[in-house]
Amino acid sequence: MNRKNSWWAVATTAFILLWSPRDLAFGINGGRERQEIARLAELTHWKAGTIVADVGAGDGTYSFMTAQKVGPAGRVYATEIDTEKLQQLRTEVTKRKLDNIIVVGGTADDTRLPSSCCDTIFLRHVYHHLTEPQEFNKSLVRSLKSGAYLAIIDFPPSPNSSLVEGVPKNRGGHGIPEKVMEDELTTAGLQVEKVIDDWSAQDYCVIFVKRSTPE
């Protein structure tokens, strides 16, 4: 082995050793996802024991990283409406022995989360797929504790893009205008806490809070 190849082998081995087995299970290329979870955790004040819901969890990437962030004392609800994805999520949770993740089967108009269960709920690239946003938003608000946070990460529609099938026409294409989403969720009873227009690439992030209802 020449000097160049020897150096490369040593450097590669050292790089791999910096990652824990759990990191490797999540994939070395998960830097963007980890950065997003870290930002969400900071903005919505996660700590050990925080209860978070990942609504529209997909393959579970963000749910698994959230579970690591909130620790064994915390809890993560990973919701999905697609039956195949639900089964894959349950299989992966069991395989990884993630006792702090609960997989929940939702519907188009209901998260099916327990009432007042969550300190934070987040939807990433999910809101623009909602076909019944008014009813779905009611279920989101119901599942938040008083003072809890809802984070919506989404993107504005591209010009001439096609609507997702079944969604309201005011989306204007594939995506959702930030103002439209804000209006719908404030109508549902939430207040805008913070807006990050340059979340990543074309994405924005809006943080809402559920204020205590006066007696």
N, C-alpha and C. Protein backbone atom coordinates (compact mmCIF):
# COMPACT_ATOMS: atom_id res chain seq x y z
N MET A 1 0.86 -1.19 0.00
CA MET A 1 0.00 0.00 0.00
C MET A 1 0.89 1.24 0.00
N ASN A 2 0.63 2.16 -0.97
CA ASN A 2 1.46 3.35 -1.00
C ASN A 2 1.03 4.35 0.07
N ARG A 3 1.83 5.42 0.22
CA ARG A 3 1.60 6.36 1.32
C ARG A 3 0.22 7.03 1.19
N LYS A 4 -0.19 7.37 -0.03
CA LYS A 4 -1.47 8.04 -0.24
C LYS A 4 -2.62 7.14 0.18
N ASN A 5 -2.58 5.86 -0.26
CA ASN A 5 -3.66 4.94 0.09
C ASN A 5 -3.68 4.65 1.58
N SER A 6 -2.46 4.57 2.18
CA SER A 6 -2.38 4.33 3.62
C SER A 6 -3.01 5.47 4.41
N TRP A 7 -2.73 6.70 4.00
CA TRP A 7 -3.33 7.86 4.68
C TRP A 7 -4.83 7.85 4.57
N TRP A 8 -5.34 7.52 3.38
CA TRP A 8 -6.80 7.50 3.16
C TRP A 8 -7.46 6.45 4.03
N ALA A 9 -6.85 5.27 4.15
CA ALA A 9 -7.44 4.21 4.97
C ALA A 9 -7.51 4.62 6.43
N VAL A 10 -6.43 5.25 6.92
CA VAL A 10 -6.42 5.70 8.32
C VAL A 10 -7.46 6.78 8.55
N ALA A 11 -7.56 7.74 7.63
CA ALA A 11 -8.51 8.85 7.78
C ALA A 11 -9.94 8.34 7.76
N THR A 12 -10.22 7.39 6.85
CA THR A 12 -11.58 6.85 6.75
C THR A 12 -11.96 6.11 8.02
N THR A 13 -11.03 5.30 8.54
CA THR A 13 -11.30 4.55 9.77
C THR A 13 -11.56 5.49 10.94
N ALA A 14 -10.76 6.55 11.03
CA ALA A 14 -10.95 7.52 12.12
C ALA A 14 -12.30 8.20 12.02
N PHE A 15 -12.72 8.54 10.79
CA PHE A 15 -14.02 9.19 10.59
C PHE A 15 -15.15 8.30 11.04
N ILE A 16 -15.10 7.02 10.67
CA ILE A 16 -16.15 6.08 11.05
C ILE A 16 -16.20 5.90 12.55
N LEU A 17 -15.04 5.86 13.21
CA LEU A 17 -15.00 5.65 14.65
C LEU A 17 -15.59 6.82 15.43
N LEU A 18 -15.69 8.00 14.80
CA LEU A 18 -16.30 9.14 15.46
C LEU A 18 -17.80 8.98 15.62
N TRP A 19 -18.40 8.06 14.85
CA TRP A 19 -19.84 7.86 14.88
C TRP A 19 -20.19 6.69 15.77
N SER A 20 -21.24 6.87 16.58
CA SER A 20 -21.73 5.78 17.42
C SER A 20 -22.52 4.80 16.56
N PRO A 21 -22.77 3.58 17.05
CA PRO A 21 -23.61 2.64 16.31
C PRO A 21 -24.98 3.23 15.98
N ARG A 22 -25.55 4.02 16.90
CA ARG A 22 -26.86 4.63 16.63
C ARG A 22 -26.75 5.63 15.49
N ASP A 23 -25.66 6.41 15.45
CA ASP A 23 -25.45 7.34 14.34
C ASP A 23 -25.38 6.60 13.02
N LEU A 24 -24.67 5.50 13.02
CA LEU A 24 -24.53 4.74 11.79
C LEU A 24 -25.87 4.16 11.36
N ALA A 25 -26.69 3.78 12.35
CA ALA A 25 -28.01 3.25 12.02
C ALA A 25 -28.86 4.33 11.36
N PHE A 26 -28.72 5.58 11.80
CA PHE A 26 -29.47 6.67 11.20
C PHE A 26 -28.90 7.06 9.85
N GLY A 27 -27.62 6.73 9.59
CA GLY A 27 -27.00 7.08 8.33
C GLY A 27 -26.10 8.28 8.49
N ILE A 28 -24.87 8.16 8.00
CA ILE A 28 -23.90 9.23 8.13
C ILE A 28 -24.36 10.48 7.38
N ASN A 29 -25.18 10.30 6.36
CA ASN A 29 -25.61 11.44 5.57
C ASN A 29 -26.83 12.14 6.17
N GLY A 30 -27.12 11.94 7.45
CA GLY A 30 -28.30 12.55 8.07
C GLY A 30 -28.04 13.90 8.67
N GLY A 31 -27.02 14.62 8.20
CA GLY A 31 -26.65 15.91 8.79
C GLY A 31 -27.75 16.94 8.71
N ARG A 32 -28.42 17.05 7.57
CA ARG A 32 -29.48 18.05 7.41
C ARG A 32 -30.62 17.77 8.37
N GLU A 33 -31.01 16.50 8.45
CA GLU A 33 -32.11 16.13 9.34
C GLU A 33 -31.76 16.42 10.80
N ARG A 34 -30.52 16.10 11.18
CA ARG A 34 -30.08 16.36 12.55
C ARG A 34 -30.09 17.86 12.85
N GLN A 35 -29.68 18.65 11.90
CA GLN A 35 -29.67 20.10 12.08
C GLN A 35 -31.09 20.62 12.28
N GLU A 36 -32.04 20.11 11.50
CA GLU A 36 -33.42 20.54 11.64
C GLU A 36 -33.98 20.16 13.01
N ILE A 37 -33.70 18.95 13.45
CA ILE A 37 -34.19 18.51 14.76
C ILE A 37 -33.57 19.36 15.87
N ALA A 38 -32.27 19.66 15.74
CA ALA A 38 -31.61 20.49 16.74
C ALA A 38 -32.25 21.88 16.80
N ARG A 39 -32.59 22.44 15.64
CA ARG A 39 -33.21 23.76 15.62
C ARG A 39 -34.62 23.72 16.20
N LEU A 40 -35.38 22.69 15.87
CA LEU A 40 -36.71 22.54 16.45
C LEU A 40 -36.64 22.41 17.97
N ALA A 41 -35.68 21.61 18.43
CA ALA A 41 -35.52 21.40 19.86
C ALA A 41 -35.22 22.71 20.58
N GLU A 42 -34.40 23.55 19.96
CA GLU A 42 -34.05 24.83 20.57
C GLU A 42 -35.23 25.80 20.54
N LEU A 43 -35.91 25.87 19.41
CA LEU A 43 -36.99 26.83 19.24
C LEU A 43 -38.21 26.50 20.10
N THR A 44 -38.44 25.20 20.35
CA THR A 44 -39.63 24.81 21.11
C THR A 44 -39.27 24.19 22.46
N HIS A 45 -38.01 24.41 22.87
CA HIS A 45 -37.58 24.16 24.25
C HIS A 45 -37.72 22.70 24.70
N TRP A 46 -37.19 21.78 23.89
CA TRP A 46 -37.19 20.38 24.31
C TRP A 46 -36.16 20.17 25.40
N LYS A 47 -36.46 19.20 26.25
CA LYS A 47 -35.51 18.75 27.26
C LYS A 47 -35.81 17.28 27.51
N ALA A 48 -35.02 16.65 28.37
CA ALA A 48 -35.29 15.25 28.71
C ALA A 48 -36.70 15.16 29.28
N GLY A 49 -37.50 14.28 28.71
CA GLY A 49 -38.87 14.11 29.19
C GLY A 49 -39.92 14.83 28.37
N THR A 50 -39.50 15.65 27.39
CA THR A 50 -40.46 16.35 26.53
C THR A 50 -41.24 15.34 25.69
N ILE A 51 -42.52 15.65 25.45
CA ILE A 51 -43.38 14.80 24.63
C ILE A 51 -43.63 15.50 23.29
N VAL A 52 -43.26 14.84 22.21
CA VAL A 52 -43.29 15.42 20.86
C VAL A 52 -44.06 14.51 19.93
N ALA A 53 -44.79 15.08 18.98
CA ALA A 53 -45.44 14.30 17.93
C ALA A 53 -44.89 14.71 16.57
N ASP A 54 -44.51 13.71 15.78
CA ASP A 54 -44.09 13.90 14.39
C ASP A 54 -45.27 13.46 13.54
N VAL A 55 -46.05 14.42 13.05
CA VAL A 55 -47.28 14.11 12.31
C VAL A 55 -46.95 13.96 10.83
N GLY A 56 -47.26 12.79 10.29
CA GLY A 56 -46.86 12.46 8.93
C GLY A 56 -45.41 12.01 8.93
N ALA A 57 -45.12 11.01 9.75
CA ALA A 57 -43.74 10.62 10.05
C ALA A 57 -43.01 9.94 8.89
N GLY A 58 -43.74 9.45 7.90
CA GLY A 58 -43.08 8.82 6.76
C GLY A 58 -42.25 7.62 7.16
N ASP A 59 -40.95 7.64 6.82
CA ASP A 59 -40.08 6.50 7.13
C ASP A 59 -39.54 6.55 8.57
N GLY A 60 -39.90 7.60 9.30
CA GLY A 60 -39.51 7.67 10.71
C GLY A 60 -38.19 8.35 11.00
N THR A 61 -37.51 8.85 9.97
CA THR A 61 -36.19 9.46 10.18
C THR A 61 -36.23 10.53 11.27
N TYR A 62 -37.19 11.44 11.16
CA TYR A 62 -37.26 12.54 12.13
C TYR A 62 -37.77 12.07 13.48
N SER A 63 -38.64 11.09 13.49
CA SER A 63 -39.12 10.53 14.75
C SER A 63 -38.00 9.87 15.53
N PHE A 64 -37.16 9.11 14.85
CA PHE A 64 -36.06 8.40 15.53
C PHE A 64 -35.05 9.40 16.12
N MET A 65 -34.76 10.46 15.36
CA MET A 65 -33.83 11.47 15.87
C MET A 65 -34.45 12.24 17.03
N THR A 66 -35.75 12.49 16.96
CA THR A 66 -36.44 13.16 18.06
C THR A 66 -36.41 12.31 19.32
N ALA A 67 -36.62 11.00 19.16
CA ALA A 67 -36.60 10.09 20.31
C ALA A 67 -35.24 10.12 21.00
N GLN A 68 -34.19 10.21 20.21
CA GLN A 68 -32.85 10.30 20.76
C GLN A 68 -32.69 11.61 21.53
N LYS A 69 -33.29 12.69 21.01
CA LYS A 69 -33.14 14.01 21.60
C LYS A 69 -33.86 14.13 22.94
N VAL A 70 -35.08 13.58 23.04
CA VAL A 70 -35.86 13.73 24.27
C VAL A 70 -35.51 12.67 25.31
N GLY A 71 -34.81 11.63 24.88
CA GLY A 71 -34.31 10.63 25.82
C GLY A 71 -35.36 9.64 26.30
N PRO A 72 -34.94 8.67 27.09
CA PRO A 72 -35.85 7.61 27.57
C PRO A 72 -37.03 8.14 28.38
N ALA A 73 -36.84 9.28 29.04
CA ALA A 73 -37.92 9.84 29.85
C ALA A 73 -38.95 10.57 28.99
N GLY A 74 -38.59 10.89 27.75
CA GLY A 74 -39.50 11.57 26.84
C GLY A 74 -40.34 10.57 26.06
N ARG A 75 -41.14 11.13 25.16
CA ARG A 75 -42.00 10.28 24.33
C ARG A 75 -42.19 10.93 22.98
N VAL A 76 -42.26 10.10 21.95
CA VAL A 76 -42.51 10.58 20.59
C VAL A 76 -43.68 9.82 20.01
N TYR A 77 -44.69 10.56 19.55
CA TYR A 77 -45.78 9.98 18.78
C TYR A 77 -45.43 10.14 17.30
N ALA A 78 -45.35 9.03 16.59
CA ALA A 78 -45.09 9.06 15.15
C ALA A 78 -46.38 8.68 14.44
N THR A 79 -47.01 9.65 13.75
CA THR A 79 -48.30 9.38 13.13
C THR A 79 -48.18 9.25 11.62
N GLU A 80 -49.05 8.43 11.06
CA GLU A 80 -49.10 8.23 9.60
C GLU A 80 -50.52 7.80 9.23
N ILE A 81 -50.93 8.09 7.99
CA ILE A 81 -52.22 7.61 7.52
C ILE A 81 -52.07 6.49 6.49
N ASP A 82 -50.88 6.34 5.94
CA ASP A 82 -50.61 5.29 4.96
C ASP A 82 -50.36 3.96 5.68
N THR A 83 -51.15 2.94 5.37
CA THR A 83 -51.08 1.68 6.10
C THR A 83 -49.74 0.97 5.92
N GLU A 84 -49.17 1.06 4.72
CA GLU A 84 -47.87 0.41 4.48
C GLU A 84 -46.77 1.10 5.29
N LYS A 85 -46.79 2.43 5.30
CA LYS A 85 -45.79 3.16 6.08
C LYS A 85 -45.96 2.91 7.57
N LEU A 86 -47.22 2.79 8.01
CA LEU A 86 -47.46 2.49 9.42
C LEU A 86 -46.83 1.17 9.82
N GLN A 87 -47.00 0.16 8.98
CA GLN A 87 -46.43 -1.15 9.28
C GLN A 87 -44.90 -1.09 9.29
N GLN A 88 -44.34 -0.35 8.34
CA GLN A 88 -42.88 -0.22 8.30
C GLN A 88 -42.36 0.51 9.54
N LEU A 89 -43.09 1.53 9.97
CA LEU A 89 -42.71 2.26 11.18
C LEU A 89 -42.72 1.35 12.39
N ARG A 90 -43.81 0.59 12.55
CA ARG A 90 -43.92 -0.31 13.70
C ARG A 90 -42.81 -1.35 13.69
N THR A 91 -42.50 -1.87 12.51
CA THR A 91 -41.44 -2.86 12.40
C THR A 91 -40.09 -2.27 12.79
N GLU A 92 -39.82 -1.05 12.32
CA GLU A 92 -38.53 -0.41 12.59
C GLU A 92 -38.40 -0.02 14.07
N VAL A 93 -39.49 0.46 14.65
CA VAL A 93 -39.47 0.81 16.08
C VAL A 93 -39.17 -0.42 16.93
N THR A 94 -39.80 -1.54 16.58
CA THR A 94 -39.55 -2.79 17.31
C THR A 94 -38.12 -3.26 17.10
N LYS A 95 -37.65 -3.19 15.87
CA LYS A 95 -36.29 -3.62 15.54
C LYS A 95 -35.25 -2.81 16.29
N ARG A 96 -35.47 -1.50 16.42
CA ARG A 96 -34.51 -0.63 17.09
C ARG A 96 -34.72 -0.57 18.61
N LYS A 97 -35.79 -1.22 19.08
CA LYS A 97 -36.11 -1.26 20.51
C LYS A 97 -36.25 0.15 21.08
N LEU A 98 -37.01 0.97 20.35
CA LEU A 98 -37.24 2.35 20.76
C LEU A 98 -38.51 2.42 21.60
N ASP A 99 -38.35 2.23 22.88
CA ASP A 99 -39.50 2.15 23.78
C ASP A 99 -40.20 3.48 23.98
N ASN A 100 -39.55 4.58 23.60
CA ASN A 100 -40.16 5.89 23.80
C ASN A 100 -40.87 6.41 22.54
N ILE A 101 -41.09 5.55 21.55
CA ILE A 101 -41.86 5.93 20.36
C ILE A 101 -43.17 5.16 20.32
N ILE A 102 -44.26 5.89 20.12
CA ILE A 102 -45.58 5.29 19.95
C ILE A 102 -46.05 5.61 18.53
N VAL A 103 -46.35 4.58 17.75
CA VAL A 103 -46.81 4.76 16.37
C VAL A 103 -48.34 4.86 16.39
N VAL A 104 -48.87 5.89 15.71
CA VAL A 104 -50.31 6.16 15.72
C VAL A 104 -50.83 6.23 14.29
N GLY A 105 -51.90 5.52 14.02
CA GLY A 105 -52.55 5.59 12.72
C GLY A 105 -53.56 6.73 12.69
N GLY A 106 -53.31 7.74 11.86
CA GLY A 106 -54.22 8.87 11.77
C GLY A 106 -55.16 8.75 10.58
N THR A 107 -55.97 9.78 10.37
CA THR A 107 -56.87 9.85 9.22
C THR A 107 -56.70 11.21 8.55
N ALA A 108 -57.41 11.40 7.46
CA ALA A 108 -57.29 12.67 6.73
C ALA A 108 -57.80 13.86 7.53
N ASP A 109 -58.67 13.61 8.52
CA ASP A 109 -59.23 14.73 9.28
C ASP A 109 -58.92 14.68 10.77
N ASP A 110 -58.03 13.76 11.19
CA ASP A 110 -57.77 13.61 12.62
C ASP A 110 -56.40 12.97 12.83
N THR A 111 -55.59 13.57 13.69
CA THR A 111 -54.29 12.98 14.01
C THR A 111 -54.42 11.69 14.80
N ARG A 112 -55.55 11.57 15.52
CA ARG A 112 -55.78 10.45 16.46
C ARG A 112 -54.82 10.47 17.65
N LEU A 113 -54.24 11.61 17.91
CA LEU A 113 -53.40 11.75 19.11
C LEU A 113 -54.30 11.97 20.32
N PRO A 114 -53.84 11.59 21.51
CA PRO A 114 -54.62 11.86 22.72
C PRO A 114 -54.77 13.37 22.95
N SER A 115 -55.81 13.73 23.67
CA SER A 115 -56.01 15.15 24.00
C SER A 115 -54.92 15.64 24.96
N SER A 116 -54.47 16.86 24.74
CA SER A 116 -53.50 17.53 25.62
C SER A 116 -52.29 16.66 25.94
N CYS A 117 -51.77 15.99 24.90
CA CYS A 117 -50.68 15.03 25.12
C CYS A 117 -49.29 15.60 24.86
N CYS A 118 -49.20 16.68 24.08
CA CYS A 118 -47.90 17.04 23.52
C CYS A 118 -47.40 18.41 23.95
N ASP A 119 -46.08 18.47 24.17
CA ASP A 119 -45.39 19.74 24.39
C ASP A 119 -45.06 20.40 23.06
N THR A 120 -44.81 19.59 22.04
CA THR A 120 -44.53 20.08 20.68
C THR A 120 -45.11 19.10 19.68
N ILE A 121 -45.70 19.63 18.63
CA ILE A 121 -46.09 18.83 17.46
C ILE A 121 -45.42 19.48 16.25
N PHE A 122 -44.85 18.67 15.36
CA PHE A 122 -44.31 19.26 14.13
C PHE A 122 -44.77 18.47 12.92
N LEU A 123 -44.96 19.22 11.83
CA LEU A 123 -45.32 18.65 10.52
C LEU A 123 -44.29 19.15 9.53
N ARG A 124 -43.58 18.25 8.91
CA ARG A 124 -42.57 18.64 7.93
C ARG A 124 -42.99 18.17 6.54
N HIS A 125 -43.23 19.10 5.64
CA HIS A 125 -43.67 18.81 4.27
C HIS A 125 -44.94 17.97 4.27
N VAL A 126 -45.81 18.24 5.22
CA VAL A 126 -47.06 17.49 5.38
C VAL A 126 -48.27 18.39 5.21
N TYR A 127 -48.19 19.62 5.73
CA TYR A 127 -49.39 20.46 5.77
C TYR A 127 -49.99 20.66 4.38
N HIS A 128 -49.17 20.83 3.36
CA HIS A 128 -49.72 21.10 2.03
C HIS A 128 -50.43 19.88 1.43
N HIS A 129 -50.32 18.72 2.10
CA HIS A 129 -51.04 17.52 1.65
C HIS A 129 -52.41 17.38 2.31
N LEU A 130 -52.73 18.22 3.29
CA LEU A 130 -53.98 18.05 4.03
C LEU A 130 -55.19 18.34 3.14
N THR A 131 -56.08 17.38 3.05
CA THR A 131 -57.28 17.55 2.24
C THR A 131 -58.45 18.11 3.05
N GLU A 132 -58.37 17.99 4.38
CA GLU A 132 -59.41 18.52 5.26
C GLU A 132 -58.75 19.33 6.38
N PRO A 133 -58.11 20.44 6.02
CA PRO A 133 -57.31 21.18 7.00
C PRO A 133 -58.10 21.70 8.19
N GLN A 134 -59.34 22.12 7.98
CA GLN A 134 -60.11 22.69 9.09
C GLN A 134 -60.31 21.66 10.21
N GLU A 135 -60.74 20.48 9.86
CA GLU A 135 -60.95 19.44 10.87
C GLU A 135 -59.62 18.94 11.43
N PHE A 136 -58.64 18.80 10.56
CA PHE A 136 -57.33 18.31 11.00
C PHE A 136 -56.70 19.29 12.00
N ASN A 137 -56.85 20.57 11.73
CA ASN A 137 -56.28 21.58 12.62
C ASN A 137 -56.94 21.56 14.00
N LYS A 138 -58.23 21.28 14.03
CA LYS A 138 -58.91 21.14 15.33
C LYS A 138 -58.27 20.02 16.15
N SER A 139 -57.93 18.93 15.48
CA SER A 139 -57.32 17.81 16.20
C SER A 139 -55.89 18.15 16.65
N LEU A 140 -55.18 18.94 15.85
CA LEU A 140 -53.84 19.39 16.26
C LEU A 140 -53.93 20.23 17.54
N VAL A 141 -54.83 21.19 17.54
CA VAL A 141 -54.99 22.08 18.69
C VAL A 141 -55.41 21.28 19.92
N ARG A 142 -56.32 20.36 19.74
CA ARG A 142 -56.80 19.52 20.86
C ARG A 142 -55.67 18.73 21.50
N SER A 143 -54.70 18.32 20.71
CA SER A 143 -53.63 17.45 21.20
C SER A 143 -52.49 18.20 21.85
N LEU A 144 -52.49 19.53 21.73
CA LEU A 144 -51.45 20.35 22.36
C LEU A 144 -51.81 20.67 23.80
N LYS A 145 -50.83 20.62 24.68
CA LYS A 145 -51.01 21.13 26.03
C LYS A 145 -51.12 22.65 25.98
N SER A 146 -51.65 23.25 27.03
CA SER A 146 -51.64 24.70 27.13
C SER A 146 -50.19 25.19 27.17
N GLY A 147 -49.88 26.17 26.32
CA GLY A 147 -48.51 26.69 26.25
C GLY A 147 -47.60 25.89 25.34
N ALA A 148 -48.13 24.85 24.69
CA ALA A 148 -47.31 23.99 23.82
C ALA A 148 -47.17 24.60 22.42
N TYR A 149 -46.27 23.99 21.64
CA TYR A 149 -45.89 24.54 20.33
C TYR A 149 -46.29 23.62 19.18
N LEU A 150 -46.64 24.26 18.07
CA LEU A 150 -46.82 23.57 16.80
C LEU A 150 -45.85 24.19 15.81
N ALA A 151 -45.05 23.35 15.15
CA ALA A 151 -44.11 23.82 14.14
C ALA A 151 -44.51 23.27 12.78
N ILE A 152 -44.67 24.15 11.81
CA ILE A 152 -44.98 23.76 10.44
C ILE A 152 -43.80 24.11 9.55
N ILE A 153 -43.20 23.09 8.96
CA ILE A 153 -42.13 23.27 7.98
C ILE A 153 -42.70 22.92 6.62
N ASP A 154 -42.72 23.88 5.72
CA ASP A 154 -43.30 23.62 4.40
C ASP A 154 -42.67 24.56 3.40
N PHE A 155 -43.22 24.61 2.19
CA PHE A 155 -42.64 25.45 1.14
C PHE A 155 -43.75 26.06 0.29
N PRO A 156 -43.50 27.24 -0.28
CA PRO A 156 -44.51 27.87 -1.13
C PRO A 156 -44.61 27.13 -2.46
N PRO A 157 -45.76 27.22 -3.11
CA PRO A 157 -45.93 26.53 -4.39
C PRO A 157 -45.04 27.13 -5.48
N SER A 158 -44.50 26.26 -6.31
CA SER A 158 -43.73 26.72 -7.47
C SER A 158 -44.70 27.16 -8.56
N PRO A 159 -44.32 28.15 -9.35
CA PRO A 159 -45.18 28.59 -10.46
C PRO A 159 -45.49 27.43 -11.40
N ASN A 160 -46.75 27.34 -11.80
CA ASN A 160 -47.22 26.34 -12.77
C ASN A 160 -47.16 24.91 -12.24
N SER A 161 -46.95 24.73 -10.92
CA SER A 161 -46.96 23.38 -10.37
C SER A 161 -48.40 22.92 -10.13
N SER A 162 -48.59 21.62 -10.04
CA SER A 162 -49.93 21.05 -9.90
C SER A 162 -50.32 20.89 -8.44
N LEU A 163 -51.58 21.13 -8.15
CA LEU A 163 -52.10 20.91 -6.81
C LEU A 163 -52.00 19.45 -6.43
N VAL A 164 -51.76 19.18 -5.15
CA VAL A 164 -51.91 17.82 -4.64
C VAL A 164 -53.38 17.46 -4.73
N GLU A 165 -53.69 16.24 -5.15
CA GLU A 165 -55.07 15.83 -5.34
C GLU A 165 -55.89 15.98 -4.05
N GLY A 166 -57.02 16.66 -4.16
CA GLY A 166 -57.95 16.75 -3.04
C GLY A 166 -57.76 17.93 -2.11
N VAL A 167 -56.66 18.69 -2.26
CA VAL A 167 -56.44 19.81 -1.33
C VAL A 167 -57.21 21.05 -1.81
N PRO A 168 -57.45 22.01 -0.90
CA PRO A 168 -58.14 23.24 -1.32
C PRO A 168 -57.39 23.97 -2.44
N LYS A 169 -58.15 24.61 -3.31
CA LYS A 169 -57.55 25.27 -4.48
C LYS A 169 -56.72 26.49 -4.10
N ASN A 170 -56.91 27.04 -2.89
CA ASN A 170 -56.16 28.24 -2.52
C ASN A 170 -54.69 27.95 -2.24
N ARG A 171 -54.26 26.69 -2.36
CA ARG A 171 -52.83 26.36 -2.21
C ARG A 171 -52.04 26.94 -3.39
N GLY A 172 -52.65 27.03 -4.55
CA GLY A 172 -52.00 27.68 -5.69
C GLY A 172 -50.96 26.83 -6.39
N GLY A 173 -50.91 25.55 -6.11
CA GLY A 173 -49.93 24.65 -6.71
C GLY A 173 -49.41 23.68 -5.68
N HIS A 174 -48.30 23.00 -5.99
CA HIS A 174 -47.71 22.03 -5.07
C HIS A 174 -46.92 22.78 -4.00
N GLY A 175 -47.45 22.80 -2.79
CA GLY A 175 -46.91 23.57 -1.69
C GLY A 175 -48.04 24.34 -1.03
N ILE A 176 -47.70 25.32 -0.21
CA ILE A 176 -48.74 26.16 0.38
C ILE A 176 -48.14 27.53 0.72
N PRO A 177 -48.83 28.60 0.34
CA PRO A 177 -48.35 29.93 0.73
C PRO A 177 -48.31 30.06 2.26
N GLU A 178 -47.26 30.64 2.77
CA GLU A 178 -47.10 30.77 4.22
C GLU A 178 -48.29 31.47 4.86
N LYS A 179 -48.78 32.55 4.24
CA LYS A 179 -49.90 33.32 4.80
C LYS A 179 -51.18 32.49 4.88
N VAL A 180 -51.44 31.67 3.88
CA VAL A 180 -52.63 30.82 3.88
C VAL A 180 -52.58 29.86 5.07
N MET A 181 -51.44 29.22 5.26
CA MET A 181 -51.28 28.27 6.36
C MET A 181 -51.43 28.98 7.71
N GLU A 182 -50.80 30.16 7.85
CA GLU A 182 -50.90 30.91 9.10
C GLU A 182 -52.35 31.28 9.40
N ASP A 183 -53.07 31.74 8.40
CA ASP A 183 -54.47 32.13 8.61
C ASP A 183 -55.30 30.93 9.08
N GLU A 184 -55.07 29.78 8.49
CA GLU A 184 -55.86 28.60 8.86
C GLU A 184 -55.60 28.18 10.31
N LEU A 185 -54.35 28.24 10.72
CA LEU A 185 -54.02 27.79 12.07
C LEU A 185 -54.34 28.83 13.15
N THR A 186 -54.28 30.11 12.81
CA THR A 186 -54.71 31.11 13.77
C THR A 186 -56.23 31.07 13.92
N THR A 187 -56.95 30.78 12.83
CA THR A 187 -58.39 30.60 12.91
C THR A 187 -58.74 29.43 13.82
N ALA A 188 -57.88 28.40 13.82
CA ALA A 188 -58.10 27.22 14.67
C ALA A 188 -57.81 27.49 16.14
N GLY A 189 -57.19 28.65 16.44
CA GLY A 189 -56.99 29.02 17.83
C GLY A 189 -55.55 29.17 18.28
N LEU A 190 -54.60 29.05 17.36
CA LEU A 190 -53.19 29.18 17.73
C LEU A 190 -52.68 30.59 17.44
N GLN A 191 -51.54 30.93 18.04
CA GLN A 191 -50.91 32.23 17.80
C GLN A 191 -49.51 32.01 17.22
N VAL A 192 -49.16 32.86 16.26
CA VAL A 192 -47.82 32.78 15.67
C VAL A 192 -46.80 33.26 16.69
N GLU A 193 -45.79 32.42 16.94
CA GLU A 193 -44.73 32.75 17.89
C GLU A 193 -43.47 33.24 17.18
N LYS A 194 -43.13 32.57 16.08
CA LYS A 194 -41.89 32.91 15.37
C LYS A 194 -41.98 32.41 13.93
N VAL A 195 -41.40 33.17 13.01
CA VAL A 195 -41.37 32.79 11.60
C VAL A 195 -39.92 32.78 11.13
N ILE A 196 -39.51 31.66 10.53
CA ILE A 196 -38.17 31.55 9.94
C ILE A 196 -38.37 31.32 8.44
N ASP A 197 -38.17 32.39 7.66
CA ASP A 197 -38.44 32.30 6.22
C ASP A 197 -37.38 31.51 5.46
N ASP A 198 -36.17 31.42 6.00
CA ASP A 198 -35.08 30.74 5.30
C ASP A 198 -34.67 29.49 6.07
N TRP A 199 -35.64 28.65 6.37
CA TRP A 199 -35.37 27.45 7.17
C TRP A 199 -34.32 26.56 6.52
N SER A 200 -34.56 26.14 5.30
CA SER A 200 -33.56 25.41 4.50
C SER A 200 -34.06 25.34 3.07
N ALA A 201 -33.14 25.52 2.13
CA ALA A 201 -33.51 25.55 0.71
C ALA A 201 -34.70 26.50 0.53
N GLN A 202 -35.82 25.98 -0.02
CA GLN A 202 -36.99 26.84 -0.22
C GLN A 202 -37.95 26.79 0.96
N ASP A 203 -37.64 26.05 2.00
CA ASP A 203 -38.56 25.84 3.13
C ASP A 203 -38.63 27.06 4.05
N TYR A 204 -39.82 27.24 4.63
CA TYR A 204 -40.00 28.15 5.75
C TYR A 204 -40.45 27.32 6.97
N CYS A 205 -40.36 27.90 8.13
CA CYS A 205 -40.84 27.27 9.36
C CYS A 205 -41.61 28.30 10.17
N VAL A 206 -42.82 27.95 10.56
CA VAL A 206 -43.63 28.83 11.41
C VAL A 206 -43.92 28.10 12.72
N ILE A 207 -43.59 28.76 13.83
CA ILE A 207 -43.84 28.21 15.16
C ILE A 207 -45.09 28.87 15.73
N PHE A 208 -46.08 28.06 16.10
CA PHE A 208 -47.29 28.54 16.74
C PHE A 208 -47.27 28.12 18.21
N VAL A 209 -48.05 28.81 19.02
CA VAL A 209 -48.18 28.45 20.42
C VAL A 209 -49.67 28.40 20.78
N LYS A 210 -50.01 27.48 21.67
CA LYS A 210 -51.39 27.39 22.18
C LYS A 210 -51.43 28.11 23.52
N ARG A 211 -52.03 29.28 23.51
CA ARG A 211 -52.11 30.09 24.72
C ARG A 211 -53.19 29.53 25.66
N SER A 212 -53.01 29.79 26.94
CA SER A 212 -54.01 29.39 27.92
C SER A 212 -55.29 30.16 27.66
N THR A 213 -56.41 29.46 27.79
CA THR A 213 -57.71 30.10 27.62
C THR A 213 -58.12 30.77 28.91
N PRO A 214 -58.44 32.06 28.88
CA PRO A 214 -58.84 32.75 30.11
C PRO A 214 -60.07 32.09 30.73
N GLU A 215 -60.11 32.06 32.05
CA GLU A 215 -61.27 31.50 32.75
C GLU A 215 -62.47 32.42 32.52
